[in-house]
Amino acid sequence: MKPQVTTLPTGLRILTIPNPNVETVNVMILTSIGGRVESPEVSGIAHFLEHMAFKGTPKRPNPIEINREIELLGARTNAFTWQEFTGYFIMGNKSHLAKYLDILSDIYLNSTFPVNEMEKEKGVILEEIKLHKDEPIYRAGDLFFEATFGKGVLGRSLLGTEETIKGMTRDNFINFKKNYAPKNTLLAVAGNAELSQVLKNLKDLGSWKSQGLSVEEKKENPQSTILLETRQSEQAHLRLGIKTCRMLSSLTPVVDVLNAHIGSGLGSLMFEVLREKMGLAYYCSSSAVYYQDTGVLKMSAGVATAKLEEALVGMIGEIREIIEQGIKPKQLERAKEYIKGGLYMGLETTEGLNEYYAFDLLLKGKLQEPQEYARKIDEVTSEDISKFLKEKFVPQNLSLAVVGNYKNKERLEEIVYGK
């Protein structure tokens, strides 16, 4: 299962991860074009374009034909958008590899953006925006990124706004699609397929020569803040953040272990403290989010409004204890083993293989073997984590978003910033 990278004369990279012991293949096209290259006027277009890619091509004129053709092959398909990438994939039986490549190539390169489909899809996305506004658990997440990164592109919702979505035109999609180019696109194939089979069936991707646009690198690191949205709700949903490090930093293993200790799994600190000891939360977890120039550790929980302050004080107290006393050996071992266990279990599927290697190559420009990543995780010490937190757990790096029936922002500032 040794991954192999091949670069075509056009600049398109092809990643193959062969595994003859499975009966499936996962075919994915990734581009490093996402929400970060949007202008405010077309906020949400990267995500909207991902939807529109499945709405028709000259060869496959409408979404019904596209979806039916894929499922007649017994395959599954989907797509996704983030700030720094967009991806499309099909996975299914190995015998249909040529067809998967043909379909993905067609929708990636040849989407026609039919106006009638665009107008219908506006309604779908507007409902998605309303869902995020109506549901406190979603709204807290959106508010968190604004609290952490301000009004800039990282602080905006990938969905856009009702105003920008309603104002989208076909020309907007055609112009934004010009960002897609061979140099920022990766074709990744994992499973029961060889490079020779992929090259033989590249279809339109093989001859694609678009130059793309010159994408300006955006760097944003505003001081974090607290955002509170008061509304009727049975729970208060809180998102506490600590600015960490960029994606290519040598400190990411430290953040990953810290994240696993704080909020990954039933033995994590948040689960043991907020749920098992204090009985305050049904859901509580954390996640490490990285970008090319920054990163954040996000801690999430839903608690009774009357217990919000208690939960927040408890979380911050536990973090301060890590700074002062470190992580106990058994807890540190659990966090490391939890990371490695999840890593290797994920790599046993074609989807997991593709995601692990493809995102490394697309976003970091290199491949890191799982064993090398696991070694770096094992090298993290309690002292490394304490030192890191001592540097990063300062007011300008701390953000908080709260959605619920709570009004005392001054008290939140006092708890988080010690005011």
Protein backbone atom coordinates (compact mmCIF):
# COMPACT_ATOMS: atom_id res chain seq x y z
CA MET A 1 0.00 0.00 0.00
CA LYS A 2 2.90 2.35 -0.72
CA PRO A 3 1.49 5.66 -1.99
CA GLN A 4 2.83 6.94 -5.29
CA VAL A 5 2.71 10.50 -6.61
CA THR A 6 2.82 11.22 -10.34
CA THR A 7 2.84 14.75 -11.76
CA LEU A 8 1.58 15.29 -15.30
CA PRO A 9 3.16 17.92 -17.61
CA THR A 10 0.11 20.12 -16.95
CA GLY A 11 0.89 20.21 -13.22
CA LEU A 12 -1.94 17.90 -12.16
CA ARG A 13 -0.82 15.53 -9.42
CA ILE A 14 -2.07 11.96 -9.23
CA LEU A 15 -1.87 10.08 -5.95
CA THR A 16 -2.41 6.32 -6.00
CA ILE A 17 -2.58 4.10 -2.92
CA PRO A 18 -3.07 0.55 -4.21
CA ASN A 19 -4.53 -2.19 -2.01
CA PRO A 20 -5.22 -5.46 -3.83
CA ASN A 21 -6.85 -6.96 -0.74
CA VAL A 22 -10.10 -4.98 -1.07
CA GLU A 23 -12.85 -5.02 -3.70
CA THR A 24 -13.45 -1.26 -3.77
CA VAL A 25 -11.86 1.97 -4.95
CA ASN A 26 -12.22 5.50 -3.65
CA VAL A 27 -11.70 8.18 -6.29
CA MET A 28 -11.36 11.77 -5.09
CA ILE A 29 -10.61 15.08 -6.75
CA LEU A 30 -9.33 17.74 -4.36
CA THR A 31 -8.48 21.37 -4.98
CA SER A 32 -6.88 23.83 -2.59
CA ILE A 33 -9.53 26.37 -3.57
CA GLY A 34 -12.07 26.97 -0.81
CA GLY A 35 -13.73 29.72 1.15
CA ARG A 36 -10.49 31.64 1.77
CA VAL A 37 -10.33 32.92 -1.81
CA GLU A 38 -13.87 34.33 -1.82
CA SER A 39 -14.50 38.07 -1.90
CA PRO A 40 -17.13 39.34 0.55
CA GLU A 41 -19.50 40.04 -2.34
CA VAL A 42 -19.70 36.34 -3.26
CA SER A 43 -19.35 34.90 0.22
CA GLY A 44 -20.51 31.28 0.12
CA ILE A 45 -19.73 30.67 -3.55
CA ALA A 46 -17.11 27.92 -2.96
CA HIS A 47 -19.72 25.82 -1.15
CA PHE A 48 -22.47 26.77 -3.63
CA LEU A 49 -20.24 25.77 -6.58
CA GLU A 50 -19.67 22.37 -4.97
CA HIS A 51 -23.47 21.87 -5.02
CA MET A 52 -23.76 23.11 -8.60
CA ALA A 53 -21.11 20.73 -9.90
CA PHE A 54 -23.69 17.93 -9.75
CA LYS A 55 -26.40 19.90 -11.58
CA GLY A 56 -25.45 19.18 -15.17
CA THR A 57 -22.78 18.94 -17.87
CA PRO A 58 -23.08 18.78 -21.68
CA LYS A 59 -22.68 15.00 -21.43
CA ARG A 60 -25.00 14.61 -18.42
CA PRO A 61 -27.57 17.43 -18.66
CA ASN A 62 -29.25 17.24 -15.25
CA PRO A 63 -28.70 16.05 -11.66
CA ILE A 64 -31.14 13.16 -11.97
CA GLU A 65 -29.06 11.61 -14.75
CA ILE A 66 -25.83 12.12 -12.80
CA ASN A 67 -27.16 10.62 -9.57
CA ARG A 68 -28.88 7.74 -11.34
CA GLU A 69 -25.76 6.83 -13.32
CA ILE A 70 -23.63 6.77 -10.16
CA GLU A 71 -26.07 4.62 -8.20
CA LEU A 72 -26.63 2.24 -11.11
CA LEU A 73 -22.95 1.44 -10.58
CA GLY A 74 -23.65 0.68 -6.92
CA ALA A 75 -21.43 3.62 -5.96
CA ARG A 76 -21.66 6.40 -3.40
CA THR A 77 -20.75 10.01 -4.03
CA ASN A 78 -20.49 13.25 -2.11
CA ALA A 79 -18.58 16.51 -1.92
CA PHE A 80 -17.34 18.89 0.74
CA THR A 81 -15.99 22.41 1.16
CA TRP A 82 -13.74 24.00 3.76
CA GLN A 83 -11.78 27.23 3.94
CA GLU A 84 -8.73 25.78 2.20
CA PHE A 85 -10.07 23.00 0.02
CA THR A 86 -12.99 21.57 -1.93
CA GLY A 87 -13.38 17.88 -2.70
CA TYR A 88 -15.52 15.51 -4.76
CA PHE A 89 -15.46 11.72 -4.50
CA ILE A 90 -17.02 8.50 -5.72
CA MET A 91 -16.45 5.13 -4.09
CA GLY A 92 -17.60 1.69 -5.13
CA ASN A 93 -16.70 -1.58 -6.82
CA LYS A 94 -13.23 -1.71 -8.41
CA SER A 95 -14.67 -2.90 -11.74
CA HIS A 96 -16.18 0.55 -12.40
CA LEU A 97 -12.99 2.61 -11.94
CA ALA A 98 -13.08 3.93 -15.53
CA LYS A 99 -16.66 5.12 -15.09
CA TYR A 100 -15.89 6.81 -11.77
CA LEU A 101 -13.02 8.72 -13.36
CA ASP A 102 -15.21 9.72 -16.29
CA ILE A 103 -18.04 11.01 -14.10
CA LEU A 104 -15.84 12.89 -11.63
CA SER A 105 -13.76 14.40 -14.40
CA ASP A 106 -16.92 15.53 -16.18
CA ILE A 107 -18.57 17.24 -13.20
CA TYR A 108 -15.30 18.81 -12.04
CA LEU A 109 -14.37 20.31 -15.40
CA ASN A 110 -17.55 20.63 -17.44
CA SER A 111 -20.35 21.79 -15.17
CA THR A 112 -22.66 24.13 -17.07
CA PHE A 113 -24.31 25.80 -14.06
CA PRO A 114 -27.85 25.77 -15.47
CA VAL A 115 -29.71 28.90 -14.36
CA ASN A 116 -32.90 27.00 -13.48
CA GLU A 117 -30.92 24.58 -11.28
CA MET A 118 -29.03 27.47 -9.71
CA GLU A 119 -32.26 29.20 -8.71
CA LYS A 120 -33.62 25.99 -7.17
CA GLU A 121 -30.39 25.35 -5.30
CA LYS A 122 -30.48 28.85 -3.85
CA GLY A 123 -33.55 27.74 -1.96
CA VAL A 124 -31.74 24.67 -0.63
CA ILE A 125 -28.77 26.69 0.64
CA LEU A 126 -31.00 29.41 2.10
CA GLU A 127 -32.70 26.67 4.13
CA GLU A 128 -29.28 25.44 5.25
CA ILE A 129 -28.42 28.97 6.40
CA LYS A 130 -31.72 29.19 8.30
CA LEU A 131 -30.98 25.82 9.93
CA HIS A 132 -27.67 27.16 11.22
CA LYS A 133 -29.40 30.24 12.58
CA ASP A 134 -32.30 28.34 14.17
CA GLU A 135 -30.34 25.53 15.80
CA PRO A 136 -28.27 26.83 18.75
CA ILE A 137 -25.78 23.97 18.43
CA TYR A 138 -24.94 25.07 14.85
CA ARG A 139 -25.15 28.77 15.60
CA ALA A 140 -22.63 28.41 18.43
CA GLY A 141 -20.15 26.86 16.00
CA ASP A 142 -20.54 29.67 13.46
CA LEU A 143 -20.29 32.31 16.18
CA PHE A 144 -17.15 30.66 17.53
CA PHE A 145 -15.17 31.23 14.33
CA GLU A 146 -16.25 34.87 14.28
CA ALA A 147 -15.16 35.24 17.91
CA THR A 148 -11.81 33.65 17.07
CA PHE A 149 -11.03 35.21 13.68
CA GLY A 150 -13.19 38.32 13.53
CA LYS A 151 -15.04 39.54 10.46
CA GLY A 152 -12.40 38.29 8.02
CA VAL A 153 -12.73 35.28 5.77
CA LEU A 154 -12.00 32.69 8.48
CA GLY A 155 -14.66 34.24 10.66
CA ARG A 156 -17.35 34.10 7.99
CA SER A 157 -19.69 31.17 7.49
CA LEU A 158 -18.83 28.99 4.49
CA LEU A 159 -22.54 29.05 3.66
CA GLY A 160 -22.50 32.76 2.91
CA THR A 161 -25.38 35.05 3.80
CA GLU A 162 -28.95 35.24 2.56
CA GLU A 163 -28.00 38.39 0.66
CA THR A 164 -24.95 36.94 -1.12
CA ILE A 165 -26.70 33.67 -2.00
CA LYS A 166 -29.75 35.44 -3.43
CA GLY A 167 -27.48 37.69 -5.50
CA MET A 168 -25.39 34.90 -7.10
CA THR A 169 -25.38 34.77 -10.92
CA ARG A 170 -24.16 32.21 -13.41
CA ASP A 171 -21.27 34.53 -14.30
CA ASN A 172 -20.17 34.46 -10.65
CA PHE A 173 -19.78 30.68 -10.85
CA ILE A 174 -17.98 30.80 -14.19
CA ASN A 175 -15.52 33.39 -12.87
CA PHE A 176 -14.92 31.64 -9.54
CA LYS A 177 -14.41 28.30 -11.29
CA LYS A 178 -11.40 29.86 -13.04
CA ASN A 179 -9.56 29.43 -9.74
CA TYR A 180 -9.58 25.67 -10.34
CA ALA A 181 -6.38 24.66 -12.15
CA PRO A 182 -4.16 21.58 -12.56
CA LYS A 183 -1.53 23.12 -10.29
CA ASN A 184 -3.95 23.28 -7.34
CA THR A 185 -5.80 20.03 -8.09
CA LEU A 186 -5.06 16.52 -6.92
CA LEU A 187 -6.60 13.27 -8.17
CA ALA A 188 -6.36 10.59 -5.49
CA VAL A 189 -7.28 6.93 -5.98
CA ALA A 190 -7.13 4.43 -3.12
CA GLY A 191 -8.08 0.77 -3.16
CA ASN A 192 -7.90 -2.01 -5.74
CA ALA A 193 -6.43 0.02 -8.60
CA GLU A 194 -2.99 0.57 -10.10
CA LEU A 195 -1.46 3.77 -11.47
CA SER A 196 -1.51 2.34 -15.00
CA GLN A 197 -5.29 1.89 -14.82
CA VAL A 198 -5.76 5.44 -13.61
CA LEU A 199 -3.54 6.94 -16.33
CA LYS A 200 -5.35 4.92 -18.98
CA ASN A 201 -8.74 6.28 -17.93
CA LEU A 202 -7.98 9.90 -17.02
CA LYS A 203 -10.49 11.30 -19.52
CA ASP A 204 -10.66 15.10 -19.61
CA LEU A 205 -8.36 15.53 -16.61
CA GLY A 206 -5.41 14.21 -18.59
CA SER A 207 -5.50 17.02 -21.17
CA TRP A 208 -6.77 19.82 -18.93
CA LYS A 209 -4.48 22.86 -19.24
CA SER A 210 -6.26 25.69 -17.45
CA GLN A 211 -3.81 28.14 -15.89
CA GLY A 212 -6.12 29.22 -13.09
CA LEU A 213 -5.95 32.57 -11.33
CA SER A 214 -3.25 33.98 -9.08
CA VAL A 215 -4.66 33.33 -5.61
CA GLU A 216 -3.50 35.79 -2.98
CA GLU A 217 -2.42 34.24 0.31
CA LYS A 218 -4.56 35.57 3.15
CA LYS A 219 -3.17 35.82 6.66
CA GLU A 220 -5.40 36.70 9.57
CA ASN A 221 -4.69 36.64 13.29
CA PRO A 222 -6.89 39.22 15.04
CA GLN A 223 -7.22 39.26 18.80
CA SER A 224 -9.87 36.82 19.92
CA THR A 225 -12.98 37.92 21.76
CA ILE A 226 -16.23 36.79 23.42
CA LEU A 227 -19.51 36.72 21.52
CA LEU A 228 -22.80 36.09 23.30
CA GLU A 229 -26.13 35.53 21.57
CA THR A 230 -29.02 35.56 24.01
CA ARG A 231 -32.10 33.59 22.96
CA GLN A 232 -34.71 31.24 24.36
CA SER A 233 -33.09 27.82 24.63
CA GLU A 234 -33.16 24.87 27.00
CA GLN A 235 -29.36 24.76 27.02
CA ALA A 236 -26.45 27.16 26.83
CA HIS A 237 -24.08 26.04 24.06
CA LEU A 238 -20.51 27.13 24.66
CA ARG A 239 -17.42 27.03 22.43
CA LEU A 240 -14.13 27.92 24.13
CA GLY A 241 -11.07 28.38 21.95
CA ILE A 242 -7.30 28.67 22.30
CA LYS A 243 -5.28 29.91 19.32
CA THR A 244 -2.60 27.32 18.67
CA CYS A 245 -0.34 27.00 15.61
CA ARG A 246 -0.40 26.74 11.83
CA MET A 247 -0.76 23.52 9.89
CA LEU A 248 2.93 23.11 9.06
CA SER A 249 4.21 23.92 12.54
CA SER A 250 6.40 21.39 14.32
CA LEU A 251 4.09 21.88 17.30
CA THR A 252 1.02 20.21 15.74
CA PRO A 253 1.77 16.86 17.49
CA VAL A 254 1.73 18.72 20.83
CA VAL A 255 -1.66 20.25 19.97
CA ASP A 256 -3.00 16.89 18.78
CA VAL A 257 -2.07 15.18 22.05
CA LEU A 258 -3.47 18.09 24.06
CA ASN A 259 -6.70 17.89 22.05
CA ALA A 260 -7.00 14.14 22.62
CA HIS A 261 -6.43 14.63 26.34
CA ILE A 262 -8.96 17.44 26.67
CA GLY A 263 -11.85 16.25 24.54
CA SER A 264 -11.41 13.06 22.52
CA GLY A 265 -13.07 9.92 23.82
CA LEU A 266 -14.80 8.75 26.97
CA GLY A 267 -11.59 9.01 28.98
CA SER A 268 -10.95 12.63 28.00
CA LEU A 269 -10.75 15.41 30.54
CA MET A 270 -13.96 17.13 29.43
CA PHE A 271 -15.96 13.90 29.50
CA GLU A 272 -14.64 12.89 32.91
CA VAL A 273 -15.07 16.34 34.49
CA LEU A 274 -18.15 17.87 32.84
CA ARG A 275 -20.14 14.68 32.41
CA GLU A 276 -18.97 12.01 34.85
CA LYS A 277 -17.92 14.14 37.85
CA MET A 278 -20.05 17.27 37.57
CA GLY A 279 -23.00 15.84 35.61
CA LEU A 280 -23.34 19.08 33.63
CA ALA A 281 -23.24 18.04 29.97
CA TYR A 282 -24.62 15.42 27.64
CA TYR A 283 -22.23 16.36 24.84
CA CYS A 284 -18.72 17.68 25.37
CA SER A 285 -15.70 17.36 23.12
CA SER A 286 -12.81 19.23 21.55
CA SER A 287 -11.21 19.47 18.12
CA ALA A 288 -7.96 20.83 16.69
CA VAL A 289 -8.48 23.04 13.62
CA TYR A 290 -5.51 24.02 11.45
CA TYR A 291 -5.03 26.49 8.60
CA GLN A 292 -1.98 27.48 6.56
CA ASP A 293 -1.23 30.42 8.87
CA THR A 294 -3.01 29.76 12.17
CA GLY A 295 -4.98 27.23 14.20
CA VAL A 296 -7.34 26.88 17.13
CA LEU A 297 -8.25 24.28 19.73
CA LYS A 298 -12.05 24.33 20.08
CA MET A 299 -13.81 22.97 23.17
CA SER A 300 -17.57 22.40 22.91
CA ALA A 301 -20.32 21.62 25.39
CA GLY A 302 -24.03 22.08 26.00
CA VAL A 303 -25.08 22.70 29.59
CA ALA A 304 -28.06 24.00 31.56
CA THR A 305 -28.01 27.80 31.50
CA ALA A 306 -27.80 27.96 35.29
CA LYS A 307 -24.67 25.80 35.14
CA LEU A 308 -22.88 27.71 32.35
CA GLU A 309 -20.57 29.64 34.64
CA GLU A 310 -19.76 26.55 36.69
CA ALA A 311 -18.89 24.56 33.56
CA LEU A 312 -16.71 27.33 32.17
CA VAL A 313 -14.87 27.81 35.45
CA GLY A 314 -14.33 24.04 35.61
CA MET A 315 -12.90 23.85 32.07
CA ILE A 316 -10.55 26.77 32.55
CA GLY A 317 -9.46 25.47 35.93
CA GLU A 318 -8.49 22.13 34.42
CA ILE A 319 -6.43 23.87 31.73
CA ARG A 320 -4.61 25.95 34.31
CA GLU A 321 -3.87 22.78 36.25
CA ILE A 322 -2.23 21.29 33.14
CA ILE A 323 -0.05 24.40 32.88
CA GLU A 324 1.02 24.13 36.51
CA GLN A 325 1.20 20.36 37.04
CA GLY A 326 1.30 18.78 33.58
CA ILE A 327 -0.61 15.69 32.50
CA LYS A 328 -0.38 12.53 34.57
CA PRO A 329 1.50 9.66 32.86
CA LYS A 330 -1.56 7.40 32.44
CA GLN A 331 -3.63 10.23 31.00
CA LEU A 332 -0.85 11.15 28.59
CA GLU A 333 -0.53 7.52 27.50
CA ARG A 334 -4.29 7.28 26.95
CA ALA A 335 -4.29 10.40 24.74
CA LYS A 336 -1.43 9.10 22.59
CA GLU A 337 -2.88 5.62 22.19
CA TYR A 338 -6.30 7.09 21.37
CA ILE A 339 -4.76 9.10 18.52
CA LYS A 340 -2.78 6.16 17.15
CA GLY A 341 -5.72 3.78 17.44
CA GLY A 342 -7.96 6.13 15.49
CA LEU A 343 -5.24 6.69 12.91
CA TYR A 344 -4.68 3.01 12.13
CA MET A 345 -8.38 2.09 12.22
CA GLY A 346 -9.07 4.85 9.71
CA LEU A 347 -6.35 3.58 7.39
CA GLU A 348 -8.09 0.21 7.07
CA THR A 349 -10.69 1.73 4.72
CA THR A 350 -10.10 3.06 1.22
CA GLU A 351 -11.80 6.29 2.22
CA GLY A 352 -9.53 6.71 5.24
CA LEU A 353 -6.42 5.97 3.20
CA ASN A 354 -7.36 8.51 0.58
CA GLU A 355 -8.16 11.20 3.12
CA TYR A 356 -4.98 10.69 5.15
CA TYR A 357 -2.54 10.85 2.26
CA ALA A 358 -4.43 13.19 -0.08
CA PHE A 359 -4.93 15.97 2.46
CA ASP A 360 -1.28 15.75 3.50
CA LEU A 361 -0.17 16.13 -0.10
CA LEU A 362 -2.67 18.86 -1.02
CA LEU A 363 -2.27 21.06 2.05
CA LYS A 364 1.28 20.31 3.20
CA GLY A 365 2.93 19.49 -0.12
CA LYS A 366 4.36 16.20 1.16
CA LEU A 367 3.43 12.74 2.34
CA GLN A 368 3.99 11.64 5.92
CA GLU A 369 3.86 7.94 6.66
CA PRO A 370 1.50 7.03 9.51
CA GLN A 371 4.40 5.50 11.43
CA GLU A 372 6.28 8.80 11.28
CA TYR A 373 3.27 10.70 12.59
CA ALA A 374 2.80 8.11 15.35
CA ARG A 375 6.47 8.49 16.31
CA LYS A 376 6.03 12.25 16.68
CA ILE A 377 2.97 11.70 18.85
CA ASP A 378 4.94 9.32 21.09
CA GLU A 379 7.68 11.93 21.53
CA VAL A 380 5.34 14.54 23.04
CA THR A 381 5.95 15.02 26.75
CA SER A 382 3.86 16.49 29.54
CA GLU A 383 6.43 19.29 29.76
CA ASP A 384 5.92 20.08 26.04
CA ILE A 385 2.20 20.50 26.61
CA SER A 386 2.58 22.62 29.75
CA LYS A 387 5.09 24.88 28.02
CA PHE A 388 2.85 25.25 24.99
CA LEU A 389 -0.21 26.12 27.06
CA LYS A 390 1.74 28.54 29.21
CA GLU A 391 2.62 30.47 26.06
CA LYS A 392 -0.75 30.22 24.32
CA PHE A 393 -3.27 30.42 27.18
CA VAL A 394 -3.25 34.22 27.30
CA PRO A 395 -6.16 36.66 26.81
CA GLN A 396 -5.38 37.64 23.20
CA ASN A 397 -5.54 33.97 22.17
CA LEU A 398 -8.76 33.04 23.99
CA SER A 399 -12.17 33.11 22.34
CA LEU A 400 -15.62 32.17 23.56
CA ALA A 401 -19.00 31.88 21.88
CA VAL A 402 -22.17 31.25 23.86
CA VAL A 403 -25.70 30.80 22.53
CA GLY A 404 -28.52 30.46 25.04
CA ASN A 405 -30.77 32.17 27.55
CA TYR A 406 -27.91 33.98 29.29
CA LYS A 407 -27.13 37.72 29.41
CA ASN A 408 -24.12 38.42 31.65
CA LYS A 409 -21.27 38.98 29.19
CA GLU A 410 -19.25 40.81 31.83
CA ARG A 411 -19.19 37.68 33.98
CA LEU A 412 -17.96 35.62 31.01
CA GLU A 413 -15.14 38.13 30.45
CA GLU A 414 -14.25 37.88 34.12
CA ILE A 415 -14.06 34.08 33.97
CA VAL A 416 -12.13 33.85 30.69
CA TYR A 417 -9.88 36.90 30.88
CA GLY A 418 -9.71 37.41 34.65
CA LYS A 419 -11.18 40.91 34.39
